[in-house]
N, C-alpha and C. Protein backbone atom coordinates (compact mmCIF):
# COMPACT_ATOMS: atom_id res chain seq x y z
N MET A 1 146.28 142.61 111.52
CA MET A 1 145.92 141.24 111.17
C MET A 1 147.09 140.60 110.43
N ASN A 2 147.37 139.36 110.78
CA ASN A 2 148.44 138.61 110.14
C ASN A 2 147.90 137.25 109.73
N ILE A 3 147.87 136.99 108.46
CA ILE A 3 147.37 135.71 107.95
C ILE A 3 148.53 134.74 107.87
N GLU A 4 148.41 133.62 108.59
CA GLU A 4 149.51 132.66 108.68
C GLU A 4 149.79 131.90 107.39
N CYS A 5 148.76 131.59 106.63
CA CYS A 5 148.96 130.77 105.42
C CYS A 5 148.86 131.64 104.17
N ARG A 6 149.56 132.75 104.19
CA ARG A 6 149.52 133.72 103.11
C ARG A 6 149.84 133.11 101.75
N GLU A 7 150.87 132.29 101.69
CA GLU A 7 151.29 131.69 100.42
C GLU A 7 150.20 130.81 99.83
N GLU A 8 149.53 130.04 100.68
CA GLU A 8 148.45 129.17 100.20
C GLU A 8 147.28 129.99 99.67
N ILE A 9 146.99 131.09 100.34
CA ILE A 9 145.89 131.96 99.88
C ILE A 9 146.24 132.57 98.52
N ILE A 10 147.45 133.05 98.39
CA ILE A 10 147.90 133.64 97.12
C ILE A 10 147.83 132.59 96.01
N GLU A 11 148.28 131.37 96.28
CA GLU A 11 148.23 130.30 95.27
C GLU A 11 146.79 129.99 94.88
N LEU A 12 145.89 129.95 95.86
CA LEU A 12 144.48 129.68 95.56
C LEU A 12 143.87 130.83 94.76
N LEU A 13 144.25 132.05 95.06
CA LEU A 13 143.76 133.20 94.28
C LEU A 13 144.28 133.13 92.84
N LYS A 14 145.52 132.74 92.67
CA LYS A 14 146.07 132.59 91.31
C LYS A 14 145.33 131.49 90.55
N LEU A 15 145.11 130.37 91.22
CA LEU A 15 144.46 129.22 90.62
C LEU A 15 143.03 129.55 90.17
N THR A 16 142.36 130.42 90.94
CA THR A 16 140.96 130.75 90.65
C THR A 16 140.80 132.08 89.92
N SER A 17 141.86 132.61 89.37
CA SER A 17 141.83 133.95 88.77
C SER A 17 140.81 134.11 87.64
N ALA A 18 140.47 133.03 86.96
CA ALA A 18 139.51 133.12 85.85
C ALA A 18 138.06 133.08 86.32
N LEU A 19 137.84 132.79 87.60
CA LEU A 19 136.47 132.68 88.11
C LEU A 19 135.92 134.04 88.51
N PRO A 20 134.59 134.17 88.51
CA PRO A 20 133.96 135.41 89.00
C PRO A 20 134.25 135.60 90.50
N PRO A 21 134.23 136.83 90.97
CA PRO A 21 134.58 137.12 92.38
C PRO A 21 133.77 136.34 93.41
N LEU A 22 132.48 136.18 93.22
CA LEU A 22 131.68 135.46 94.22
C LEU A 22 132.09 133.99 94.31
N GLN A 23 132.44 133.39 93.20
CA GLN A 23 132.89 132.01 93.23
C GLN A 23 134.23 131.90 93.96
N ARG A 24 135.09 132.87 93.75
CA ARG A 24 136.39 132.86 94.43
C ARG A 24 136.22 133.01 95.94
N ILE A 25 135.26 133.84 96.35
CA ILE A 25 134.99 134.03 97.78
C ILE A 25 134.53 132.72 98.40
N LEU A 26 133.64 132.01 97.72
CA LEU A 26 133.16 130.74 98.26
C LEU A 26 134.27 129.71 98.35
N ILE A 27 135.12 129.63 97.35
CA ILE A 27 136.24 128.69 97.39
C ILE A 27 137.17 129.03 98.56
N LEU A 28 137.45 130.30 98.77
CA LEU A 28 138.28 130.69 99.90
C LEU A 28 137.61 130.35 101.23
N ALA A 29 136.28 130.53 101.31
CA ALA A 29 135.56 130.21 102.53
C ALA A 29 135.64 128.72 102.83
N TYR A 30 135.47 127.89 101.81
CA TYR A 30 135.58 126.44 102.01
C TYR A 30 137.01 126.04 102.35
N ALA A 31 137.99 126.67 101.73
CA ALA A 31 139.39 126.35 102.01
C ALA A 31 139.78 126.74 103.42
N ALA A 32 139.20 127.82 103.94
CA ALA A 32 139.55 128.32 105.27
C ALA A 32 138.78 127.64 106.39
N ALA A 33 137.70 126.94 106.06
CA ALA A 33 136.86 126.30 107.08
C ALA A 33 137.51 125.03 107.63
N ASP A 34 137.10 124.66 108.84
CA ASP A 34 137.56 123.39 109.42
C ASP A 34 137.04 122.25 108.56
N GLN A 35 137.90 121.27 108.34
CA GLN A 35 137.56 120.13 107.48
C GLN A 35 137.84 118.83 108.21
N ASP A 36 137.10 117.78 107.84
CA ASP A 36 137.40 116.46 108.39
C ASP A 36 138.53 115.83 107.59
N GLU A 37 138.82 114.57 107.86
CA GLU A 37 139.95 113.90 107.21
C GLU A 37 139.79 113.72 105.71
N THR A 38 138.53 113.82 105.22
CA THR A 38 138.31 113.70 103.77
C THR A 38 138.27 115.06 103.08
N GLY A 39 138.42 116.14 103.87
CA GLY A 39 138.37 117.48 103.30
C GLY A 39 136.98 118.08 103.31
N THR A 40 136.00 117.34 103.85
CA THR A 40 134.63 117.82 103.89
C THR A 40 134.47 118.89 104.96
N VAL A 41 133.80 119.96 104.59
CA VAL A 41 133.50 121.03 105.53
C VAL A 41 132.17 120.70 106.20
N LEU A 42 132.23 120.44 107.50
CA LEU A 42 131.03 120.03 108.23
C LEU A 42 130.31 121.22 108.84
N GLU A 43 130.11 122.25 108.05
CA GLU A 43 129.30 123.41 108.41
C GLU A 43 128.22 123.53 107.35
N THR A 44 127.07 123.98 107.75
CA THR A 44 125.97 124.13 106.80
C THR A 44 126.21 125.35 105.92
N GLY A 45 125.55 125.34 104.77
CA GLY A 45 125.63 126.49 103.87
C GLY A 45 125.11 127.76 104.53
N VAL A 46 124.10 127.61 105.38
CA VAL A 46 123.54 128.77 106.09
C VAL A 46 124.61 129.41 106.96
N LYS A 47 125.37 128.59 107.68
CA LYS A 47 126.42 129.10 108.57
C LYS A 47 127.55 129.74 107.77
N ILE A 48 127.98 129.11 106.70
CA ILE A 48 129.07 129.67 105.89
C ILE A 48 128.61 130.98 105.24
N ALA A 49 127.39 131.00 104.71
CA ALA A 49 126.85 132.23 104.11
C ALA A 49 126.81 133.35 105.13
N GLU A 50 126.38 133.04 106.34
CA GLU A 50 126.33 134.04 107.40
C GLU A 50 127.74 134.55 107.72
N ASP A 51 128.69 133.63 107.80
CA ASP A 51 130.08 134.00 108.12
C ASP A 51 130.68 134.96 107.10
N ILE A 52 130.34 134.80 105.82
CA ILE A 52 130.94 135.64 104.78
C ILE A 52 130.03 136.79 104.36
N GLY A 53 128.87 136.94 105.04
CA GLY A 53 127.98 138.07 104.76
C GLY A 53 127.25 137.97 103.45
N MET A 54 126.85 136.76 103.08
CA MET A 54 126.16 136.54 101.81
C MET A 54 124.77 135.97 102.11
N SER A 55 123.79 136.33 101.30
CA SER A 55 122.46 135.75 101.51
C SER A 55 122.51 134.26 101.19
N VAL A 56 121.64 133.51 101.86
CA VAL A 56 121.62 132.06 101.66
C VAL A 56 121.27 131.71 100.22
N GLN A 57 120.36 132.47 99.62
CA GLN A 57 119.95 132.20 98.24
C GLN A 57 121.11 132.40 97.28
N LEU A 58 121.84 133.49 97.45
CA LEU A 58 122.99 133.76 96.59
C LEU A 58 124.08 132.71 96.82
N PHE A 59 124.33 132.38 98.07
CA PHE A 59 125.32 131.36 98.40
C PHE A 59 124.99 130.04 97.71
N SER A 60 123.72 129.62 97.78
CA SER A 60 123.31 128.36 97.17
C SER A 60 123.49 128.39 95.66
N ARG A 61 123.17 129.51 95.04
CA ARG A 61 123.33 129.62 93.59
C ARG A 61 124.80 129.53 93.19
N VAL A 62 125.64 130.25 93.89
CA VAL A 62 127.07 130.24 93.56
C VAL A 62 127.66 128.85 93.85
N ARG A 63 127.23 128.21 94.92
CA ARG A 63 127.72 126.87 95.23
C ARG A 63 127.33 125.88 94.12
N ARG A 64 126.09 125.98 93.62
CA ARG A 64 125.67 125.11 92.52
C ARG A 64 126.55 125.33 91.29
N GLU A 65 126.91 126.58 91.01
CA GLU A 65 127.78 126.88 89.88
C GLU A 65 129.15 126.21 90.07
N LEU A 66 129.67 126.26 91.30
CA LEU A 66 130.98 125.65 91.58
C LEU A 66 130.92 124.13 91.49
N ILE A 67 129.81 123.55 91.89
CA ILE A 67 129.63 122.10 91.75
C ILE A 67 129.59 121.74 90.27
N GLY A 68 128.83 122.51 89.50
CA GLY A 68 128.71 122.26 88.07
C GLY A 68 130.01 122.39 87.31
N SER A 69 130.88 123.27 87.78
CA SER A 69 132.16 123.46 87.09
C SER A 69 133.29 122.64 87.70
N GLY A 70 132.97 121.78 88.69
CA GLY A 70 133.95 120.85 89.20
C GLY A 70 134.86 121.36 90.31
N TRP A 71 134.53 122.46 90.94
CA TRP A 71 135.35 122.99 92.03
C TRP A 71 134.93 122.45 93.39
N LEU A 72 133.65 122.11 93.55
CA LEU A 72 133.12 121.55 94.79
C LEU A 72 132.41 120.24 94.49
N GLU A 73 132.35 119.36 95.49
CA GLU A 73 131.59 118.13 95.35
C GLU A 73 130.92 117.81 96.68
N GLU A 74 129.78 117.14 96.58
CA GLU A 74 129.07 116.73 97.79
C GLU A 74 129.73 115.49 98.37
N ASP A 75 129.82 115.45 99.70
CA ASP A 75 130.25 114.24 100.40
C ASP A 75 128.98 113.50 100.78
N VAL A 76 128.54 112.61 99.90
CA VAL A 76 127.26 111.92 100.06
C VAL A 76 127.17 111.14 101.38
N PRO A 77 128.21 110.39 101.79
CA PRO A 77 128.10 109.66 103.07
C PRO A 77 127.92 110.58 104.29
N ALA A 78 128.35 111.83 104.19
CA ALA A 78 128.24 112.75 105.32
C ALA A 78 126.85 113.38 105.42
N ARG A 79 126.03 113.16 104.42
CA ARG A 79 124.70 113.77 104.37
C ARG A 79 123.85 113.31 105.56
N ILE A 80 123.17 114.26 106.19
CA ILE A 80 122.28 113.97 107.31
C ILE A 80 120.90 114.53 106.96
N GLY A 81 119.99 113.65 106.59
CA GLY A 81 118.66 114.09 106.17
C GLY A 81 118.76 114.96 104.94
N ASN A 82 118.27 116.19 105.05
CA ASN A 82 118.33 117.14 103.94
C ASN A 82 119.59 118.00 103.97
N VAL A 83 120.42 117.82 104.98
CA VAL A 83 121.63 118.64 105.12
C VAL A 83 122.77 117.96 104.37
N ARG A 84 123.31 118.68 103.40
CA ARG A 84 124.41 118.17 102.58
C ARG A 84 125.70 118.91 102.93
N TYR A 85 126.79 118.18 102.87
CA TYR A 85 128.10 118.77 103.15
C TYR A 85 128.97 118.63 101.91
N TYR A 86 129.87 119.58 101.74
CA TYR A 86 130.67 119.67 100.52
C TYR A 86 132.15 119.79 100.85
N ARG A 87 132.95 119.49 99.83
CA ARG A 87 134.40 119.64 99.94
C ARG A 87 134.94 120.16 98.61
N LEU A 88 136.10 120.77 98.68
CA LEU A 88 136.79 121.21 97.46
C LEU A 88 137.31 119.98 96.73
N THR A 89 137.34 120.06 95.42
CA THR A 89 137.87 118.96 94.62
C THR A 89 139.38 119.15 94.42
N GLU A 90 139.99 118.20 93.74
CA GLU A 90 141.42 118.31 93.42
C GLU A 90 141.69 119.54 92.55
N LYS A 91 140.70 119.95 91.80
CA LYS A 91 140.83 121.13 90.94
C LYS A 91 141.21 122.36 91.78
N ALA A 92 140.60 122.47 92.97
CA ALA A 92 140.89 123.61 93.84
C ALA A 92 142.25 123.49 94.51
N ALA A 93 142.78 122.28 94.54
CA ALA A 93 144.12 122.08 95.11
C ALA A 93 145.20 122.20 94.04
N GLY A 94 144.77 122.45 92.80
CA GLY A 94 145.73 122.60 91.71
C GLY A 94 146.20 121.28 91.15
N GLN A 95 145.51 120.20 91.49
CA GLN A 95 145.89 118.89 91.00
C GLN A 95 145.03 118.54 89.79
N ALA A 96 145.64 117.96 88.81
CA ALA A 96 144.91 117.56 87.60
C ALA A 96 144.03 116.35 87.93
N SER A 97 142.90 116.30 87.29
CA SER A 97 141.99 115.18 87.47
C SER A 97 142.44 114.01 86.59
N ASN A 98 142.20 112.80 87.08
CA ASN A 98 142.52 111.61 86.30
C ASN A 98 141.34 111.17 85.44
N VAL A 99 140.24 111.88 85.53
CA VAL A 99 139.04 111.51 84.80
C VAL A 99 139.15 112.04 83.38
N ILE A 100 138.88 111.17 82.42
CA ILE A 100 138.92 111.55 81.01
C ILE A 100 137.48 111.54 80.49
N ALA A 101 137.06 112.64 79.92
CA ALA A 101 135.70 112.72 79.39
C ALA A 101 135.57 111.80 78.16
N LEU A 102 134.47 111.08 78.11
CA LEU A 102 134.22 110.19 76.98
C LEU A 102 133.37 110.89 75.94
N ARG A 103 133.61 110.54 74.70
CA ARG A 103 132.79 111.09 73.62
C ARG A 103 131.46 110.36 73.59
N SER A 104 130.43 111.09 73.22
CA SER A 104 129.15 110.42 73.03
C SER A 104 129.13 109.81 71.65
N ALA A 105 128.42 108.68 71.52
CA ALA A 105 128.40 107.95 70.24
C ALA A 105 127.54 108.64 69.23
């Protein structure tokens, strides 16, 4: 087996080194999946979970954790009924966010 984008995978592994292994696997799965022009992965969670050998329940839990920590985001316009699609954020690309957290009064 020869992985063509070895350097990108290594960079993504370095970037996610502080995350738990299951979260890193999901980020790699989303990074390796086919994406549209906005970076959205147009595969269902069921299909991705099946592809990586993870139960759907575990996949959903880990995905929620990644959304909560800012690694994944939902592409709301791509939503079809109850089916939601997600994309990696700039955080997963190693880009700093321009969003500044505000203090509560």
